[in-house]
Amino acid sequence: MSVKYIETFHESENIKDIYLVKQRTSAVTKTGKPYDNVILQDKTGSIEGKIWDPNSGGIDDFDALDYVEITGSVKEFNSALQISVTRARKASPGEYDEADYLPVSSRNIEEMYQELLKYVNGIQNEHLNKLCRAFFVDDEGFIEKFKKSSAAKSIHHGFIGGLLEHTLSVVRLCEYYTGAYPLLKKDLLITVAMLHDIGKTKELSSFPENDYTDDGQLLGHIVMGCEMVSKKIDEIPGFPDRLASEIKHCILAHHGEYEFGSPKKPALMEALALNFADNTDAKLETISEQFRATTNNGWLGFNRLLDSNIRKTTEL
């Protein structure tokens, strides 16, 4: 039986189907009545659910990352849909296909990776070429993780192949910048565009969990990415110290501002260009995902990353 996908939900619809529980937390109403918040997920997206009577006989024991048959009704709250859950039964293996529940890039992962390899092969500087090949051609374990990783837990590109899709978008933007601003060192900028988020292969766990690892919480992807690059550079004989520092600076500065978790602010033109490209793709993908998740053409509410209330543009 096919799944009733979350992206097709509409207000006042009754739902009875199996979903992956991404998160479950307990809370209390203002009047002291206990209830549960759940985040339900399938490959098309996620939706918040409320279990107003978690101790009733119709609610099974289940935890985050369980597959659960949910019975309830879809309601709209603060311009977003949510499910009021009346029954929840933990599903057994064989009742569901995991492929229906893990979000995956809409683009072909192998095709995107082959496009990325064209950029690797186009790097003329021998040291930078060797560095990129050390990750994207020679390191099979890294390649497997890189293809499957998301670019974020939830903000943007939070799906299998998301890190690859985001990286490729940043590389394309940086390629455009080098044509528009000839002072940029193309080989350096393309290299750091490919490497800027590699630490996310260690910062976030694999799906379906897709949550921060211990090192992700303690160190973060910027520091871990810089460490990964340093180790590969140490394995390349004769790698210039000055170039190594410039690469690491670009990675450390790619969030642009200290308040956004950047250990350094951009001091090189290439670091500034990388910051702009990364920020551009993150924000435009964020708003794109918001628009794809709703049929509402009105105001969608405040978005934390964009720091603004947002809505779709009027159709012309």
Protein backbone atom coordinates (compact mmCIF):
# COMPACT_ATOMS: atom_id res chain seq x y z
CA MET A 1 0.00 0.00 0.00
CA SER A 2 1.40 3.40 -0.94
CA VAL A 3 2.08 6.00 1.73
CA LYS A 4 -0.05 9.12 2.05
CA TYR A 5 2.86 11.54 1.69
CA ILE A 6 3.10 14.57 3.97
CA GLU A 7 3.49 17.00 1.07
CA THR A 8 -0.08 16.10 -0.04
CA PHE A 9 -1.73 16.84 3.32
CA HIS A 10 -4.43 19.49 3.46
CA GLU A 11 -6.46 21.02 6.25
CA SER A 12 -9.35 18.97 7.73
CA GLU A 13 -8.05 15.74 6.18
CA ASN A 14 -8.17 12.53 8.23
CA ILE A 15 -4.93 10.53 8.25
CA LYS A 16 -4.19 6.90 9.03
CA ASP A 17 -0.77 5.76 7.84
CA ILE A 18 2.75 4.88 8.96
CA TYR A 19 5.36 7.64 9.46
CA LEU A 20 8.86 7.88 10.86
CA VAL A 21 8.91 9.66 14.21
CA LYS A 22 11.80 12.10 14.00
CA GLN A 23 11.28 13.48 17.50
CA ARG A 24 9.03 13.02 20.53
CA THR A 25 8.96 15.33 23.55
CA SER A 26 6.60 15.77 26.49
CA ALA A 27 5.12 19.09 27.56
CA VAL A 28 2.41 20.57 29.76
CA THR A 29 -0.39 22.97 28.84
CA LYS A 30 -0.96 26.21 30.74
CA THR A 31 -3.64 24.41 32.74
CA GLY A 32 -1.22 21.64 33.73
CA LYS A 33 -2.45 18.95 31.35
CA PRO A 34 0.31 16.76 29.83
CA TYR A 35 0.67 16.37 26.06
CA ASP A 36 3.32 15.19 23.60
CA ASN A 37 4.90 16.92 20.63
CA VAL A 38 6.00 14.69 17.77
CA ILE A 39 7.73 15.42 14.49
CA LEU A 40 6.64 12.99 11.77
CA GLN A 41 8.65 12.49 8.62
CA ASP A 42 8.51 10.85 5.22
CA LYS A 43 10.69 11.43 2.16
CA THR A 44 8.59 14.43 1.08
CA GLY A 45 8.94 16.40 4.30
CA SER A 46 7.95 16.59 7.95
CA ILE A 47 5.01 17.79 10.02
CA GLU A 48 4.44 18.53 13.69
CA GLY A 49 1.93 16.44 15.60
CA LYS A 50 0.20 16.91 18.95
CA ILE A 51 -0.88 14.01 21.16
CA TRP A 52 -3.28 15.71 23.55
CA ASP A 53 -3.94 12.59 25.63
CA PRO A 54 -0.65 10.61 25.66
CA ASN A 55 -1.81 8.32 28.47
CA SER A 56 -4.90 7.07 26.67
CA GLY A 57 -5.22 3.44 25.65
CA GLY A 58 -4.95 4.34 21.98
CA ILE A 59 -1.36 5.60 22.22
CA ASP A 60 1.32 2.87 22.10
CA ASP A 61 4.76 3.18 23.62
CA PHE A 62 7.14 4.48 20.95
CA ASP A 63 10.30 6.57 20.72
CA ALA A 64 12.08 8.81 18.25
CA LEU A 65 13.21 6.91 15.12
CA ASP A 66 10.39 4.39 15.43
CA TYR A 67 7.94 3.81 12.58
CA VAL A 68 4.43 4.45 13.89
CA GLU A 69 0.95 4.16 12.42
CA ILE A 70 -0.64 7.52 13.10
CA THR A 71 -4.38 8.19 13.18
CA GLY A 72 -5.47 11.80 13.38
CA SER A 73 -6.69 14.92 11.61
CA VAL A 74 -4.79 17.68 9.86
CA LYS A 75 -5.27 21.19 11.20
CA GLU A 76 -3.76 24.59 10.45
CA PHE A 77 -1.99 26.55 13.18
CA ASN A 78 0.06 29.73 12.66
CA SER A 79 -0.04 29.27 8.86
CA ALA A 80 1.40 25.74 9.11
CA LEU A 81 -0.25 22.33 9.05
CA GLN A 82 -0.04 19.97 12.01
CA ILE A 83 -1.68 16.69 13.00
CA SER A 84 -3.88 16.20 16.03
CA VAL A 85 -3.05 12.56 16.85
CA THR A 86 -5.80 10.38 18.35
CA ARG A 87 -4.17 6.95 17.98
CA ALA A 88 -0.58 5.76 17.55
CA ARG A 89 0.54 2.18 16.99
CA LYS A 90 4.18 1.15 16.68
CA ALA A 91 4.61 -0.56 13.31
CA SER A 92 6.43 -3.85 12.81
CA PRO A 93 9.23 -4.50 10.29
CA GLY A 94 7.69 -5.48 6.97
CA GLU A 95 4.82 -3.03 7.30
CA TYR A 96 6.85 -0.19 5.81
CA ASP A 97 9.60 0.50 3.29
CA GLU A 98 12.35 2.78 4.68
CA ALA A 99 12.83 4.31 1.22
CA ASP A 100 9.44 6.03 1.65
CA TYR A 101 10.60 7.88 4.75
CA LEU A 102 14.13 9.16 4.21
CA PRO A 103 14.28 12.52 2.42
CA VAL A 104 16.48 12.43 -0.67
CA SER A 105 17.65 15.14 -3.06
CA SER A 106 15.36 15.57 -6.05
CA ARG A 107 18.49 15.54 -8.21
CA ASN A 108 20.40 12.39 -9.20
CA ILE A 109 23.25 11.96 -6.72
CA GLU A 110 25.63 10.23 -9.14
CA GLU A 111 25.07 12.88 -11.82
CA MET A 112 25.80 15.64 -9.31
CA TYR A 113 28.97 13.88 -8.17
CA GLN A 114 30.22 13.49 -11.73
CA GLU A 115 29.67 17.22 -12.25
CA LEU A 116 31.68 17.93 -9.11
CA LEU A 117 34.50 15.72 -10.40
CA LYS A 118 34.67 17.87 -13.55
CA TYR A 119 35.52 20.82 -11.32
CA VAL A 120 38.19 18.72 -9.57
CA ASN A 121 39.73 17.80 -12.91
CA GLY A 122 39.64 21.43 -14.01
CA ILE A 123 41.92 22.65 -11.21
CA GLN A 124 45.28 23.55 -12.79
CA ASN A 125 47.40 24.12 -9.68
CA GLU A 126 49.04 20.78 -8.93
CA HIS A 127 48.89 21.14 -5.14
CA LEU A 128 45.22 22.11 -5.09
CA ASN A 129 44.40 19.38 -7.60
CA LYS A 130 46.12 16.77 -5.43
CA LEU A 131 44.27 18.01 -2.35
CA CYS A 132 40.85 17.79 -3.99
CA ARG A 133 41.62 14.40 -5.51
CA ALA A 134 42.72 13.14 -2.08
CA PHE A 135 39.15 13.66 -0.90
CA PHE A 136 36.88 13.32 -3.91
CA VAL A 137 38.72 10.65 -5.95
CA ASP A 138 40.95 8.60 -3.64
CA ASP A 139 39.14 8.46 -0.28
CA GLU A 140 36.32 5.94 -0.77
CA GLY A 141 35.09 6.16 2.81
CA PHE A 142 34.82 9.93 2.61
CA ILE A 143 33.12 9.78 -0.80
CA GLU A 144 30.42 7.40 0.47
CA LYS A 145 29.67 9.65 3.47
CA PHE A 146 29.79 12.84 1.39
CA LYS A 147 27.21 11.54 -1.09
CA LYS A 148 24.79 10.49 1.65
CA SER A 149 25.19 13.42 4.05
CA SER A 150 22.79 16.30 4.55
CA ALA A 151 23.97 19.90 4.69
CA ALA A 152 22.04 20.65 7.88
CA LYS A 153 19.84 19.06 10.52
CA SER A 154 16.80 21.06 9.46
CA ILE A 155 17.52 24.58 8.11
CA HIS A 156 18.42 23.86 4.47
CA HIS A 157 19.38 20.82 2.35
CA GLY A 158 18.34 18.54 5.24
CA PHE A 159 18.16 15.40 3.10
CA ILE A 160 20.32 12.60 1.68
CA GLY A 161 22.53 14.17 -0.97
CA GLY A 162 21.94 17.62 0.53
CA LEU A 163 25.61 18.25 1.29
CA LEU A 164 26.57 17.35 -2.28
CA GLU A 165 23.78 19.49 -3.75
CA HIS A 166 24.73 22.48 -1.58
CA THR A 167 28.45 22.09 -2.32
CA LEU A 168 27.84 21.94 -6.06
CA SER A 169 25.66 25.06 -5.91
CA VAL A 170 28.37 26.94 -4.00
CA VAL A 171 31.00 25.82 -6.52
CA ARG A 172 28.86 27.06 -9.42
CA LEU A 173 28.35 30.44 -7.77
CA CYS A 174 32.08 30.72 -7.13
CA GLU A 175 32.82 29.87 -10.76
CA TYR A 176 30.54 32.76 -11.77
CA TYR A 177 32.32 35.09 -9.35
CA THR A 178 35.70 34.32 -10.91
CA GLY A 179 34.40 35.43 -14.30
CA ALA A 180 32.85 38.62 -12.91
CA TYR A 181 35.81 39.49 -10.64
CA PRO A 182 39.10 38.52 -12.33
CA LEU A 183 41.22 39.28 -9.24
CA LEU A 184 39.85 36.14 -7.62
CA LYS A 185 42.20 33.14 -7.77
CA LYS A 186 39.95 30.61 -9.49
CA ASP A 187 41.76 27.42 -8.48
CA LEU A 188 41.84 28.47 -4.84
CA LEU A 189 38.20 29.57 -4.75
CA ILE A 190 36.89 26.43 -6.47
CA THR A 191 38.98 24.28 -4.11
CA VAL A 192 37.66 25.90 -0.92
CA ALA A 193 34.12 25.87 -2.31
CA MET A 194 34.37 22.09 -2.61
CA LEU A 195 35.97 21.70 0.81
CA HIS A 196 34.16 24.30 2.93
CA ASP A 197 31.54 21.96 4.44
CA ILE A 198 33.31 18.58 4.43
CA GLY A 199 33.25 18.64 8.24
CA LYS A 200 29.52 18.01 8.04
CA THR A 201 30.28 14.38 7.20
CA LYS A 202 31.37 14.15 10.85
CA GLU A 203 29.16 16.82 12.41
CA LEU A 204 25.87 15.08 11.57
CA SER A 205 24.97 11.42 11.98
CA SER A 206 23.55 9.40 9.12
CA PHE A 207 19.84 9.11 8.32
CA PRO A 208 17.28 8.53 9.69
CA GLU A 209 18.78 10.17 12.79
CA ASN A 210 20.52 13.09 11.01
CA ASP A 211 21.40 14.71 14.34
CA TYR A 212 24.52 16.26 15.82
CA THR A 213 27.27 13.86 16.87
CA ASP A 214 29.28 14.46 20.04
CA ASP A 215 32.10 16.01 18.01
CA GLY A 216 29.53 17.99 16.06
CA GLN A 217 28.32 19.52 19.31
CA LEU A 218 31.79 20.00 20.81
CA LEU A 219 33.76 21.12 17.75
CA GLY A 220 31.43 21.89 14.84
CA HIS A 221 31.89 21.31 11.12
CA ILE A 222 34.13 24.34 10.54
CA VAL A 223 36.82 23.20 12.96
CA MET A 224 36.52 19.54 11.94
CA GLY A 225 36.68 20.44 8.25
CA CYS A 226 39.84 22.45 8.84
CA GLU A 227 41.36 19.47 10.69
CA MET A 228 40.45 17.11 7.83
CA VAL A 229 42.08 19.41 5.29
CA SER A 230 45.20 19.78 7.45
CA LYS A 231 45.64 16.01 7.61
CA LYS A 232 45.38 15.61 3.82
CA ILE A 233 47.78 18.51 3.23
CA ASP A 234 50.34 16.85 5.53
CA GLU A 235 50.25 13.80 3.25
CA ILE A 236 51.10 15.82 0.10
CA PRO A 237 54.87 16.37 -0.23
CA GLY A 238 55.98 19.94 -0.82
CA PHE A 239 52.59 21.55 -0.22
CA PRO A 240 53.28 25.29 0.22
CA ASP A 241 52.73 26.50 3.80
CA ARG A 242 51.31 29.87 2.64
CA LEU A 243 48.76 28.17 0.37
CA ALA A 244 47.80 25.77 3.17
CA SER A 245 47.10 28.71 5.47
CA GLU A 246 44.98 30.45 2.83
CA ILE A 247 42.87 27.33 2.30
CA LYS A 248 42.33 26.86 6.02
CA HIS A 249 41.50 30.55 6.47
CA CYS A 250 38.77 30.33 3.82
CA ILE A 251 37.21 27.35 5.60
CA LEU A 252 37.45 28.99 9.02
CA ALA A 253 35.91 32.24 7.72
CA HIS A 254 33.15 30.89 5.49
CA HIS A 255 30.34 31.80 7.92
CA GLY A 256 31.52 35.39 7.72
CA GLU A 257 30.69 36.71 11.19
CA TYR A 258 31.64 35.63 14.70
CA GLU A 259 27.98 35.59 15.76
CA PHE A 260 27.29 33.03 13.02
CA GLY A 261 29.93 30.63 14.39
CA SER A 262 32.82 31.76 12.20
CA PRO A 263 36.19 31.45 14.04
CA LYS A 264 37.61 34.12 11.70
CA LYS A 265 36.19 36.92 9.57
CA PRO A 266 37.17 36.88 5.87
CA ALA A 267 40.57 38.48 5.26
CA LEU A 268 41.09 37.20 1.72
CA MET A 269 39.05 38.05 -1.36
CA GLU A 270 38.44 34.34 -1.94
CA ALA A 271 37.23 33.90 1.65
CA LEU A 272 34.76 36.76 1.17
CA ALA A 273 33.49 35.29 -2.11
CA LEU A 274 33.06 31.86 -0.47
CA ASN A 275 31.10 33.41 2.39
CA PHE A 276 28.77 35.16 -0.06
CA ALA A 277 28.24 32.01 -2.14
CA ASP A 278 27.57 29.84 0.91
CA ASN A 279 25.16 32.39 2.38
CA THR A 280 23.37 32.86 -0.95
CA ASP A 281 22.69 29.17 -1.49
CA ALA A 282 21.72 28.52 2.14
CA LYS A 283 19.17 31.35 2.24
CA LEU A 284 17.67 30.85 -1.21
CA GLU A 285 17.33 27.11 -0.59
CA THR A 286 15.75 27.82 2.80
CA ILE A 287 13.06 30.03 1.32
CA SER A 288 12.58 27.61 -1.61
CA GLU A 289 11.95 24.73 0.79
CA GLN A 290 9.47 26.86 2.75
CA PHE A 291 7.54 27.67 -0.43
CA ARG A 292 7.52 24.06 -1.65
CA ALA A 293 6.11 22.92 1.69
CA THR A 294 2.95 25.03 1.52
CA THR A 295 0.16 26.02 -0.81
CA ASN A 296 -0.42 29.16 1.24
CA ASN A 297 0.17 32.30 -0.83
CA GLY A 298 -0.10 34.60 2.18
CA TRP A 299 2.46 35.48 4.81
CA LEU A 300 4.21 32.38 6.16
CA GLY A 301 5.50 33.79 9.43
CA PHE A 302 8.93 34.65 10.79
CA ASN A 303 11.91 32.66 9.49
CA ARG A 304 14.88 32.63 11.87
CA LEU A 305 17.60 32.18 9.25
CA LEU A 306 16.17 34.89 7.02
CA ASP A 307 15.31 37.10 10.03
CA SER A 308 12.08 38.13 8.35
CA ASN A 309 8.43 37.33 7.82
CA ILE A 310 8.17 35.84 4.31
CA ARG A 311 5.65 35.24 1.55
CA LYS A 312 5.62 34.20 -2.08
CA THR A 313 5.91 36.81 -4.81
CA THR A 314 2.65 37.82 -6.51
CA GLU A 315 2.06 35.94 -9.76
CA LEU A 316 2.46 38.22 -12.81
